């Protein structure tokens, strides 16, 4: 769904249209839940936070000015709520437990290889600083641009570019090291 369509839904929600909220929920539930759950690694708490995000959207839709994309606005709300959970629990780091992504090929060898690659990527992502991981996840898992990531994380766009640049270099180095170790063994 394009941003113009999402903005139309937000406008309707701002006027109290529950069917618009239902349509927005169906469109944004999965990506928001995935984003929240990757951070919290707790499906029940993630579902609670997701409901809080949509409650904030319901309450704040009338005040939405459209200065950012709807997706960016909603991910910003989710991001702040996740940070609040970490602050409340005095946790300083964000746990990243990425779901395993198996190759859909019927070959068992291909599936085992895909699991190992996911484990390598997960291990390499875990070595990144939390702010670098956030930027990488928003860019590659949520398909956001630098400007959107800057809005979600409340940092300048240049900072996002720097974080992603350094994170990519660290990931490449880590993955190459793991692959070289695998070949050597």
N, C-alpha and C. Protein backbone atom coordinates (compact mmCIF):
# COMPACT_ATOMS: atom_id res chain seq x y z
N UNK A 1 0.85 -1.17 0.00
CA UNK A 1 0.00 0.00 0.00
C UNK A 1 0.90 1.24 0.00
N UNK A 2 0.59 2.19 -0.84
CA UNK A 2 1.39 3.40 -0.97
C UNK A 2 1.10 4.36 0.17
N UNK A 3 2.05 5.28 0.40
CA UNK A 3 1.92 6.21 1.51
C UNK A 3 0.67 7.08 1.38
N UNK A 4 0.31 7.45 0.17
CA UNK A 4 -0.89 8.28 -0.02
C UNK A 4 -2.13 7.54 0.48
N UNK A 5 -2.18 6.24 0.22
CA UNK A 5 -3.31 5.43 0.69
C UNK A 5 -3.29 5.32 2.21
N UNK A 6 -2.09 5.15 2.78
CA UNK A 6 -1.97 5.07 4.24
C UNK A 6 -2.36 6.40 4.87
N UNK A 7 -1.96 7.51 4.26
CA UNK A 7 -2.33 8.83 4.79
C UNK A 7 -3.84 9.02 4.74
N UNK A 8 -4.46 8.51 3.70
CA UNK A 8 -5.92 8.58 3.60
C UNK A 8 -6.57 7.81 4.75
N UNK A 9 -6.00 6.63 5.05
CA UNK A 9 -6.52 5.84 6.18
C UNK A 9 -6.35 6.60 7.49
N UNK A 10 -5.19 7.22 7.68
CA UNK A 10 -4.93 7.98 8.91
C UNK A 10 -5.93 9.13 9.03
N UNK A 11 -6.18 9.80 7.93
CA UNK A 11 -7.15 10.90 7.92
C UNK A 11 -8.53 10.39 8.35
N UNK A 12 -8.92 9.26 7.81
CA UNK A 12 -10.23 8.67 8.17
C UNK A 12 -10.24 8.23 9.63
N UNK A 13 -9.13 7.67 10.10
CA UNK A 13 -9.02 7.25 11.50
C UNK A 13 -9.17 8.48 12.40
N UNK A 14 -8.55 9.58 12.00
CA UNK A 14 -8.65 10.82 12.76
C UNK A 14 -10.09 11.30 12.92
N UNK A 15 -10.95 10.88 12.00
CA UNK A 15 -12.37 11.23 12.08
C UNK A 15 -13.19 10.14 12.78
N UNK A 16 -12.48 9.11 13.32
CA UNK A 16 -13.17 8.07 14.07
C UNK A 16 -13.60 6.86 13.27
N UNK A 17 -13.09 6.69 12.07
CA UNK A 17 -13.47 5.57 11.20
C UNK A 17 -12.76 4.28 11.63
N UNK A 18 -13.50 3.39 12.26
CA UNK A 18 -12.92 2.13 12.75
C UNK A 18 -12.56 1.18 11.61
N UNK A 19 -13.28 1.25 10.50
CA UNK A 19 -12.93 0.37 9.37
C UNK A 19 -11.57 0.78 8.79
N UNK A 20 -11.26 2.06 8.83
CA UNK A 20 -9.94 2.52 8.37
C UNK A 20 -8.85 2.00 9.30
N UNK A 21 -9.13 2.00 10.59
CA UNK A 21 -8.16 1.45 11.55
C UNK A 21 -7.95 -0.04 11.29
N UNK A 22 -9.03 -0.74 10.99
CA UNK A 22 -8.92 -2.17 10.68
C UNK A 22 -8.06 -2.38 9.44
N UNK A 23 -8.25 -1.57 8.41
CA UNK A 23 -7.47 -1.69 7.17
C UNK A 23 -5.99 -1.37 7.44
N UNK A 24 -5.73 -0.35 8.23
CA UNK A 24 -4.36 0.00 8.57
C UNK A 24 -3.71 -1.12 9.39
N UNK A 25 -4.46 -1.68 10.30
CA UNK A 25 -3.96 -2.78 11.13
C UNK A 25 -3.57 -3.97 10.26
N UNK A 26 -4.43 -4.34 9.33
CA UNK A 26 -4.13 -5.47 8.45
C UNK A 26 -2.88 -5.21 7.62
N UNK A 27 -2.66 -3.96 7.25
CA UNK A 27 -1.50 -3.61 6.42
C UNK A 27 -0.20 -3.56 7.22
N UNK A 28 -0.26 -3.06 8.43
CA UNK A 28 0.97 -2.77 9.19
C UNK A 28 1.26 -3.73 10.34
N UNK A 29 0.34 -4.61 10.67
CA UNK A 29 0.52 -5.50 11.81
C UNK A 29 1.79 -6.33 11.72
N UNK A 30 1.98 -7.05 10.63
CA UNK A 30 3.12 -7.97 10.51
C UNK A 30 4.47 -7.26 10.57
N UNK A 31 4.69 -6.22 9.74
CA UNK A 31 6.01 -5.58 9.81
C UNK A 31 6.29 -4.94 11.17
N UNK A 32 5.29 -4.33 11.78
CA UNK A 32 5.50 -3.73 13.10
C UNK A 32 5.77 -4.79 14.16
N UNK A 33 4.98 -5.86 14.15
CA UNK A 33 5.19 -6.93 15.13
C UNK A 33 6.59 -7.54 14.97
N UNK A 34 6.99 -7.81 13.73
CA UNK A 34 8.31 -8.38 13.49
C UNK A 34 9.40 -7.45 14.04
N UNK A 35 9.28 -6.17 13.75
CA UNK A 35 10.25 -5.18 14.23
C UNK A 35 10.31 -5.18 15.76
N UNK A 36 9.18 -5.15 16.40
CA UNK A 36 9.13 -5.11 17.87
C UNK A 36 9.67 -6.40 18.45
N UNK A 37 9.25 -7.54 17.91
CA UNK A 37 9.65 -8.83 18.47
C UNK A 37 11.13 -9.12 18.28
N UNK A 38 11.72 -8.63 17.19
CA UNK A 38 13.16 -8.81 16.99
C UNK A 38 13.91 -8.11 18.12
N UNK A 39 13.40 -6.97 18.55
CA UNK A 39 14.05 -6.21 19.62
C UNK A 39 13.83 -6.85 20.99
N UNK A 40 12.60 -7.25 21.26
CA UNK A 40 12.25 -7.71 22.61
C UNK A 40 12.41 -9.21 22.81
N UNK A 41 12.32 -9.97 21.73
CA UNK A 41 12.40 -11.42 21.82
C UNK A 41 11.42 -11.99 22.84
N UNK A 42 10.23 -11.42 22.85
CA UNK A 42 9.17 -11.85 23.76
C UNK A 42 7.85 -11.66 23.01
N UNK A 43 7.27 -12.75 22.49
CA UNK A 43 6.08 -12.59 21.65
C UNK A 43 4.88 -11.97 22.38
N UNK A 44 4.74 -12.24 23.67
CA UNK A 44 3.60 -11.71 24.41
C UNK A 44 3.76 -10.21 24.65
N UNK A 45 4.94 -9.80 25.09
CA UNK A 45 5.21 -8.38 25.29
C UNK A 45 5.17 -7.64 23.96
N UNK A 46 5.67 -8.28 22.91
CA UNK A 46 5.64 -7.66 21.58
C UNK A 46 4.21 -7.42 21.12
N UNK A 47 3.33 -8.38 21.37
CA UNK A 47 1.92 -8.21 21.00
C UNK A 47 1.29 -7.07 21.81
N UNK A 48 1.64 -6.96 23.09
CA UNK A 48 1.13 -5.85 23.91
C UNK A 48 1.60 -4.51 23.37
N UNK A 49 2.89 -4.43 23.02
CA UNK A 49 3.45 -3.18 22.49
C UNK A 49 2.78 -2.84 21.15
N UNK A 50 2.56 -3.85 20.32
CA UNK A 50 1.89 -3.63 19.04
C UNK A 50 0.51 -3.00 19.26
N UNK A 51 -0.23 -3.52 20.23
CA UNK A 51 -1.56 -2.96 20.52
C UNK A 51 -1.45 -1.52 21.02
N UNK A 52 -0.41 -1.23 21.82
CA UNK A 52 -0.19 0.14 22.29
C UNK A 52 0.11 1.08 21.12
N UNK A 53 0.87 0.60 20.15
CA UNK A 53 1.19 1.40 18.98
C UNK A 53 -0.11 1.77 18.25
N UNK A 54 -0.97 0.79 18.03
CA UNK A 54 -2.21 1.07 17.31
C UNK A 54 -3.17 1.92 18.14
N UNK A 55 -3.10 1.80 19.45
CA UNK A 55 -3.90 2.67 20.31
C UNK A 55 -3.41 4.12 20.18
N UNK A 56 -2.08 4.31 20.16
CA UNK A 56 -1.52 5.65 19.95
C UNK A 56 -1.90 6.20 18.57
N UNK A 57 -1.92 5.33 17.57
CA UNK A 57 -2.32 5.77 16.23
C UNK A 57 -3.78 6.21 16.26
N UNK A 58 -4.63 5.44 16.91
CA UNK A 58 -6.05 5.78 17.02
C UNK A 58 -6.22 7.14 17.70
N UNK A 59 -5.49 7.33 18.80
CA UNK A 59 -5.61 8.58 19.55
C UNK A 59 -4.95 9.77 18.83
N UNK A 60 -3.87 9.51 18.09
CA UNK A 60 -3.10 10.60 17.51
C UNK A 60 -3.33 10.85 16.03
N UNK A 61 -4.20 10.09 15.41
CA UNK A 61 -4.41 10.21 13.96
C UNK A 61 -4.89 11.60 13.57
N UNK A 62 -5.74 12.19 14.36
CA UNK A 62 -6.27 13.52 14.02
C UNK A 62 -5.16 14.58 14.03
N UNK A 63 -4.13 14.35 14.83
CA UNK A 63 -3.03 15.33 14.93
C UNK A 63 -1.91 15.04 13.92
N UNK A 64 -2.00 13.92 13.21
CA UNK A 64 -0.96 13.57 12.23
C UNK A 64 -0.95 14.61 11.13
N UNK A 65 0.22 15.25 10.94
CA UNK A 65 0.33 16.35 9.97
C UNK A 65 0.86 15.90 8.62
N UNK A 66 1.33 14.67 8.51
CA UNK A 66 1.81 14.17 7.23
C UNK A 66 3.19 14.64 6.85
N UNK A 67 3.96 15.14 7.82
CA UNK A 67 5.33 15.59 7.51
C UNK A 67 6.27 14.42 7.27
N UNK A 68 5.86 13.24 7.69
CA UNK A 68 6.64 12.03 7.43
C UNK A 68 5.69 10.98 6.85
N UNK A 69 6.28 9.91 6.35
CA UNK A 69 5.46 8.81 5.84
C UNK A 69 4.74 8.14 7.01
N UNK A 70 3.58 7.59 6.76
CA UNK A 70 2.81 6.92 7.81
C UNK A 70 3.63 5.76 8.40
N UNK A 71 4.27 5.00 7.52
CA UNK A 71 5.09 3.88 7.98
C UNK A 71 6.19 4.38 8.94
N UNK A 72 6.84 5.47 8.59
CA UNK A 72 7.88 6.04 9.44
C UNK A 72 7.30 6.48 10.77
N UNK A 73 6.17 7.14 10.74
CA UNK A 73 5.51 7.60 11.96
C UNK A 73 5.20 6.42 12.88
N UNK A 74 4.64 5.35 12.31
CA UNK A 74 4.26 4.20 13.12
C UNK A 74 5.49 3.46 13.67
N UNK A 75 6.53 3.31 12.85
CA UNK A 75 7.75 2.67 13.33
C UNK A 75 8.42 3.52 14.41
N UNK A 76 8.29 4.84 14.32
CA UNK A 76 8.83 5.72 15.36
C UNK A 76 8.13 5.48 16.69
N UNK A 77 6.83 5.35 16.62
CA UNK A 77 6.06 5.06 17.84
C UNK A 77 6.51 3.73 18.43
N UNK A 78 6.63 2.71 17.58
CA UNK A 78 7.05 1.39 18.05
C UNK A 78 8.47 1.44 18.62
N UNK A 79 9.35 2.14 17.94
CA UNK A 79 10.74 2.25 18.39
C UNK A 79 10.81 2.89 19.79
N UNK A 80 10.07 3.97 19.98
CA UNK A 80 10.07 4.63 21.29
C UNK A 80 9.50 3.74 22.37
N UNK A 81 8.48 2.97 22.04
CA UNK A 81 7.90 2.08 23.04
C UNK A 81 8.87 0.96 23.42
N UNK A 82 9.61 0.44 22.45
CA UNK A 82 10.63 -0.58 22.74
C UNK A 82 11.72 0.01 23.63
N UNK A 83 12.18 1.21 23.31
CA UNK A 83 13.20 1.87 24.12
C UNK A 83 12.67 2.08 25.54
N UNK A 84 11.41 2.46 25.67
CA UNK A 84 10.81 2.61 27.01
C UNK A 84 10.84 1.31 27.80
N UNK A 85 10.57 0.20 27.11
CA UNK A 85 10.63 -1.11 27.79
C UNK A 85 12.05 -1.37 28.30
N UNK A 86 13.05 -1.08 27.47
CA UNK A 86 14.43 -1.29 27.90
C UNK A 86 14.80 -0.38 29.05
N UNK A 87 14.36 0.86 29.01
CA UNK A 87 14.64 1.79 30.11
C UNK A 87 13.97 1.32 31.39
N UNK A 88 12.71 0.89 31.26
CA UNK A 88 11.96 0.43 32.43
C UNK A 88 12.64 -0.78 33.07
N UNK A 89 13.15 -1.65 32.23
CA UNK A 89 13.81 -2.86 32.74
C UNK A 89 15.30 -2.67 32.94
N UNK A 90 15.78 -1.43 32.71
CA UNK A 90 17.21 -1.09 32.86
C UNK A 90 18.11 -1.98 32.02
N UNK A 91 17.62 -2.33 30.84
CA UNK A 91 18.43 -3.12 29.91
C UNK A 91 19.10 -2.16 28.96
N UNK A 92 20.38 -2.33 28.76
CA UNK A 92 21.14 -1.41 27.94
C UNK A 92 21.30 -1.88 26.51
N UNK A 93 21.19 -3.15 26.27
CA UNK A 93 21.39 -3.66 24.92
C UNK A 93 20.10 -4.27 24.42
N UNK A 94 19.98 -4.29 23.12
CA UNK A 94 18.80 -4.86 22.48
C UNK A 94 19.15 -6.25 22.01
N UNK A 95 18.34 -7.22 22.37
CA UNK A 95 18.58 -8.59 21.96
C UNK A 95 18.02 -8.80 20.56
N UNK A 96 18.88 -9.30 19.70
CA UNK A 96 18.46 -9.58 18.33
C UNK A 96 18.43 -11.08 18.13
N UNK A 97 17.25 -11.64 18.04
CA UNK A 97 17.13 -13.05 17.74
C UNK A 97 16.36 -13.12 16.43
N UNK A 98 17.11 -13.12 15.36
CA UNK A 98 16.49 -13.13 14.05
C UNK A 98 15.89 -14.51 13.75
N UNK A 99 14.72 -14.51 13.18
CA UNK A 99 14.15 -15.81 12.84
C UNK A 99 14.98 -16.47 11.74
N UNK A 100 15.08 -17.77 11.85
CA UNK A 100 15.84 -18.50 10.84
C UNK A 100 15.10 -18.44 9.51
N UNK A 101 15.84 -18.19 8.46
CA UNK A 101 15.23 -18.12 7.14
C UNK A 101 15.81 -19.25 6.30
N UNK A 102 15.03 -20.27 6.14
CA UNK A 102 15.48 -21.44 5.40
C UNK A 102 15.28 -21.24 3.91
N UNK A 103 16.19 -21.79 3.15
CA UNK A 103 16.05 -21.79 1.70
C UNK A 103 14.86 -22.67 1.36
N UNK A 104 14.02 -22.24 0.45
CA UNK A 104 12.82 -22.99 0.12
C UNK A 104 13.10 -24.17 -0.80
N UNK A 105 14.33 -24.36 -1.20
CA UNK A 105 14.68 -25.50 -2.05
C UNK A 105 14.42 -26.80 -1.26
N UNK A 106 13.97 -27.82 -1.95
CA UNK A 106 13.65 -29.06 -1.25
C UNK A 106 14.89 -29.80 -0.72
N UNK A 107 16.06 -29.43 -1.19
CA UNK A 107 17.28 -30.12 -0.78
C UNK A 107 17.58 -29.88 0.69
N UNK A 108 17.82 -30.96 1.42
CA UNK A 108 18.19 -30.86 2.83
C UNK A 108 19.52 -30.16 3.00
N UNK A 109 20.46 -30.40 2.11
CA UNK A 109 21.77 -29.75 2.18
C UNK A 109 21.60 -28.23 2.04
N UNK A 110 20.76 -27.81 1.13
CA UNK A 110 20.51 -26.38 0.94
C UNK A 110 19.87 -25.78 2.19
N UNK A 111 18.97 -26.52 2.81
CA UNK A 111 18.33 -26.03 4.02
C UNK A 111 19.32 -25.92 5.16
N UNK A 112 20.19 -26.90 5.32
CA UNK A 112 21.21 -26.86 6.38
C UNK A 112 22.15 -25.69 6.14
N UNK A 113 22.53 -25.49 4.90
CA UNK A 113 23.42 -24.38 4.55
C UNK A 113 22.75 -23.04 4.87
N UNK A 114 21.48 -22.92 4.57
CA UNK A 114 20.76 -21.67 4.84
C UNK A 114 20.69 -21.40 6.34
N UNK A 115 20.46 -22.42 7.13
CA UNK A 115 20.42 -22.27 8.58
C UNK A 115 21.78 -21.81 9.09
N UNK A 116 22.84 -22.41 8.58
CA UNK A 116 24.19 -22.02 9.00
C UNK A 116 24.47 -20.57 8.62
N UNK A 117 24.06 -20.16 7.42
CA UNK A 117 24.27 -18.78 7.00
C UNK A 117 23.49 -17.82 7.89
N UNK A 118 22.27 -18.19 8.25
CA UNK A 118 21.46 -17.35 9.14
C UNK A 118 22.13 -17.25 10.50
N UNK A 119 22.68 -18.37 10.97
CA UNK A 119 23.39 -18.35 12.25
C UNK A 119 24.61 -17.46 12.17
N UNK A 120 25.34 -17.51 11.04
CA UNK A 120 26.49 -16.64 10.85
C UNK A 120 26.06 -15.18 10.87
N UNK A 121 25.00 -14.87 10.14
CA UNK A 121 24.52 -13.49 10.09
C UNK A 121 24.06 -13.04 11.47
N UNK A 122 23.32 -13.89 12.17
CA UNK A 122 22.84 -13.56 13.52
C UNK A 122 24.02 -13.30 14.45
N UNK A 123 25.04 -14.14 14.37
CA UNK A 123 26.22 -13.96 15.23
C UNK A 123 26.93 -12.65 14.87
N UNK A 124 27.03 -12.34 13.60
CA UNK A 124 27.69 -11.10 13.18
C UNK A 124 26.87 -9.87 13.58
N UNK A 125 25.55 -9.96 13.43
CA UNK A 125 24.69 -8.85 13.85
C UNK A 125 24.82 -8.61 15.36
N UNK A 126 24.96 -9.68 16.12
CA UNK A 126 25.08 -9.56 17.58
C UNK A 126 26.35 -8.80 17.98
N UNK A 127 27.35 -8.79 17.12
CA UNK A 127 28.60 -8.11 17.44
C UNK A 127 28.52 -6.60 17.18
N UNK A 128 27.49 -6.16 16.46
CA UNK A 128 27.34 -4.74 16.18
C UNK A 128 26.83 -4.00 17.41
N UNK A 129 27.10 -2.71 17.45
CA UNK A 129 26.52 -1.86 18.49
C UNK A 129 25.02 -1.79 18.26
N UNK A 130 24.22 -1.62 19.31
CA UNK A 130 22.76 -1.58 19.14
C UNK A 130 22.30 -0.54 18.12
N UNK A 131 22.92 0.64 18.10
CA UNK A 131 22.47 1.65 17.15
C UNK A 131 22.79 1.26 15.71
N UNK A 132 23.88 0.52 15.50
CA UNK A 132 24.20 0.03 14.16
C UNK A 132 23.22 -1.07 13.75
N UNK A 133 22.90 -1.97 14.68
CA UNK A 133 21.93 -3.05 14.40
C UNK A 133 20.58 -2.46 14.03
N UNK A 134 20.15 -1.46 14.81
CA UNK A 134 18.85 -0.83 14.52
C UNK A 134 18.83 -0.28 13.10
N UNK A 135 19.88 0.43 12.72
CA UNK A 135 19.94 1.03 11.39
C UNK A 135 19.92 -0.04 10.31
N UNK A 136 20.70 -1.10 10.49
CA UNK A 136 20.75 -2.19 9.51
C UNK A 136 19.39 -2.88 9.40
N UNK A 137 18.76 -3.17 10.53
CA UNK A 137 17.46 -3.85 10.50
C UNK A 137 16.39 -3.00 9.83
N UNK A 138 16.37 -1.71 10.14
CA UNK A 138 15.38 -0.85 9.51
C UNK A 138 15.63 -0.71 8.01
N UNK A 139 16.90 -0.65 7.63
CA UNK A 139 17.23 -0.49 6.21
C UNK A 139 16.94 -1.76 5.42
N UNK A 140 17.36 -2.90 5.94
CA UNK A 140 17.28 -4.12 5.14
C UNK A 140 16.08 -5.00 5.44
N UNK A 141 15.59 -5.02 6.66
CA UNK A 141 14.43 -5.85 6.97
C UNK A 141 13.12 -5.09 6.80
N UNK A 142 13.16 -3.76 7.01
CA UNK A 142 11.94 -2.95 6.88
C UNK A 142 11.97 -2.06 5.65
N UNK A 143 13.05 -2.14 4.86
CA UNK A 143 13.18 -1.43 3.59
C UNK A 143 12.97 0.07 3.72
N UNK A 144 13.57 0.66 4.75
CA UNK A 144 13.48 2.10 4.96
C UNK A 144 14.71 2.80 4.42
N UNK A 145 14.52 4.02 3.98
CA UNK A 145 15.62 4.85 3.51
C UNK A 145 16.28 5.57 4.68
N UNK A 146 17.40 6.23 4.39
CA UNK A 146 18.15 6.93 5.43
C UNK A 146 17.29 7.97 6.15
N UNK A 147 16.52 8.73 5.40
CA UNK A 147 15.70 9.78 6.01
C UNK A 147 14.67 9.18 6.96
N UNK A 148 14.04 8.08 6.53
CA UNK A 148 13.04 7.43 7.38
C UNK A 148 13.69 6.87 8.65
N UNK A 149 14.84 6.26 8.50
CA UNK A 149 15.54 5.70 9.66
C UNK A 149 15.91 6.82 10.62
N UNK A 150 16.36 7.95 10.08
CA UNK A 150 16.71 9.10 10.92
C UNK A 150 15.49 9.57 11.72
N UNK A 151 14.34 9.60 11.08
CA UNK A 151 13.12 10.00 11.77
C UNK A 151 12.73 9.00 12.85
N UNK A 152 12.82 7.70 12.53
CA UNK A 152 12.45 6.67 13.50
C UNK A 152 13.36 6.70 14.72
N UNK A 153 14.66 6.85 14.49
CA UNK A 153 15.63 6.78 15.60
C UNK A 153 15.98 8.13 16.20
N UNK A 154 15.44 9.20 15.64
CA UNK A 154 15.66 10.57 16.13
C UNK A 154 17.14 10.97 16.13
N UNK A 155 17.83 10.64 15.05
CA UNK A 155 19.22 11.06 14.87
C UNK A 155 19.34 11.68 13.48
N UNK A 156 20.39 12.49 13.25
CA UNK A 156 20.56 13.08 11.92
C UNK A 156 20.77 12.02 10.84
N UNK A 157 20.37 12.34 9.62
CA UNK A 157 20.50 11.42 8.50
C UNK A 157 21.96 11.03 8.26
N UNK A 158 22.88 11.97 8.44
CA UNK A 158 24.30 11.68 8.28
C UNK A 158 24.78 10.62 9.27
N UNK A 159 24.23 10.66 10.47
CA UNK A 159 24.58 9.65 11.48
C UNK A 159 24.10 8.27 11.04
N UNK A 160 22.91 8.22 10.48
CA UNK A 160 22.38 6.94 9.98
C UNK A 160 23.28 6.40 8.88
N UNK A 161 23.68 7.26 7.94
CA UNK A 161 24.56 6.83 6.85
C UNK A 161 25.86 6.28 7.40
N UNK A 162 26.42 6.97 8.38
CA UNK A 162 27.68 6.52 8.98
C UNK A 162 27.50 5.18 9.68
N UNK A 163 26.42 5.03 10.43
CA UNK A 163 26.16 3.77 11.15
C UNK A 163 26.03 2.62 10.17
N UNK A 164 25.29 2.83 9.09
CA UNK A 164 25.09 1.76 8.12
C UNK A 164 26.40 1.45 7.40
N UNK A 165 27.15 2.47 7.04
CA UNK A 165 28.43 2.27 6.36
C UNK A 165 29.36 1.40 7.23
N UNK A 166 29.52 1.78 8.49
CA UNK A 166 30.42 1.04 9.37
C UNK A 166 29.86 -0.36 9.69
N UNK A 167 28.56 -0.44 9.86
CA UNK A 167 27.95 -1.75 10.14
C UNK A 167 28.14 -2.70 8.97
N UNK A 168 27.98 -2.22 7.74
CA UNK A 168 28.19 -3.08 6.56
C UNK A 168 29.63 -3.59 6.50
N UNK A 169 30.57 -2.70 6.78
CA UNK A 169 31.98 -3.11 6.75
C UNK A 169 32.24 -4.17 7.82
N UNK A 170 31.70 -3.95 9.03
CA UNK A 170 31.90 -4.91 10.11
C UNK A 170 31.22 -6.25 9.79
N UNK A 171 30.02 -6.19 9.21
CA UNK A 171 29.31 -7.42 8.84
C UNK A 171 30.08 -8.18 7.76
N UNK A 172 30.56 -7.47 6.75
CA UNK A 172 31.32 -8.11 5.69
C UNK A 172 32.57 -8.79 6.25
N UNK A 173 33.29 -8.08 7.08
CA UNK A 173 34.51 -8.63 7.69
C UNK A 173 34.18 -9.86 8.54
N UNK A 174 33.13 -9.75 9.33
CA UNK A 174 32.73 -10.87 10.20
C UNK A 174 32.29 -12.08 9.38
N UNK A 175 31.46 -11.84 8.37
CA UNK A 175 30.96 -12.96 7.56
C UNK A 175 32.09 -13.61 6.76
N UNK A 176 33.01 -12.80 6.23
CA UNK A 176 34.15 -13.37 5.50
C UNK A 176 35.01 -14.20 6.45
N UNK A 177 35.22 -13.71 7.66
CA UNK A 177 36.00 -14.47 8.65
C UNK A 177 35.34 -15.79 9.00
N UNK A 178 34.03 -15.78 9.14
CA UNK A 178 33.31 -17.01 9.47
C UNK A 178 33.35 -18.00 8.29
N UNK A 179 33.21 -17.46 7.07
CA UNK A 179 33.24 -18.33 5.89
C UNK A 179 34.64 -18.92 5.69
N UNK A 180 35.66 -18.12 5.91
CA UNK A 180 37.04 -18.62 5.80
C UNK A 180 37.31 -19.68 6.85
N UNK A 181 36.80 -19.49 8.06
CA UNK A 181 36.98 -20.50 9.11
C UNK A 181 36.23 -21.79 8.75
N UNK A 182 35.06 -21.64 8.12
CA UNK A 182 34.27 -22.81 7.72
C UNK A 182 35.02 -23.59 6.63
N UNK A 183 35.60 -22.88 5.66
CA UNK A 183 36.33 -23.54 4.57
C UNK A 183 37.56 -24.24 5.12
N UNK A 184 38.24 -23.62 6.09
CA UNK A 184 39.47 -24.19 6.64
C UNK A 184 39.21 -25.45 7.47
N UNK A 185 38.00 -25.57 8.01
CA UNK A 185 37.74 -26.75 8.87
C UNK A 185 37.26 -27.94 8.13
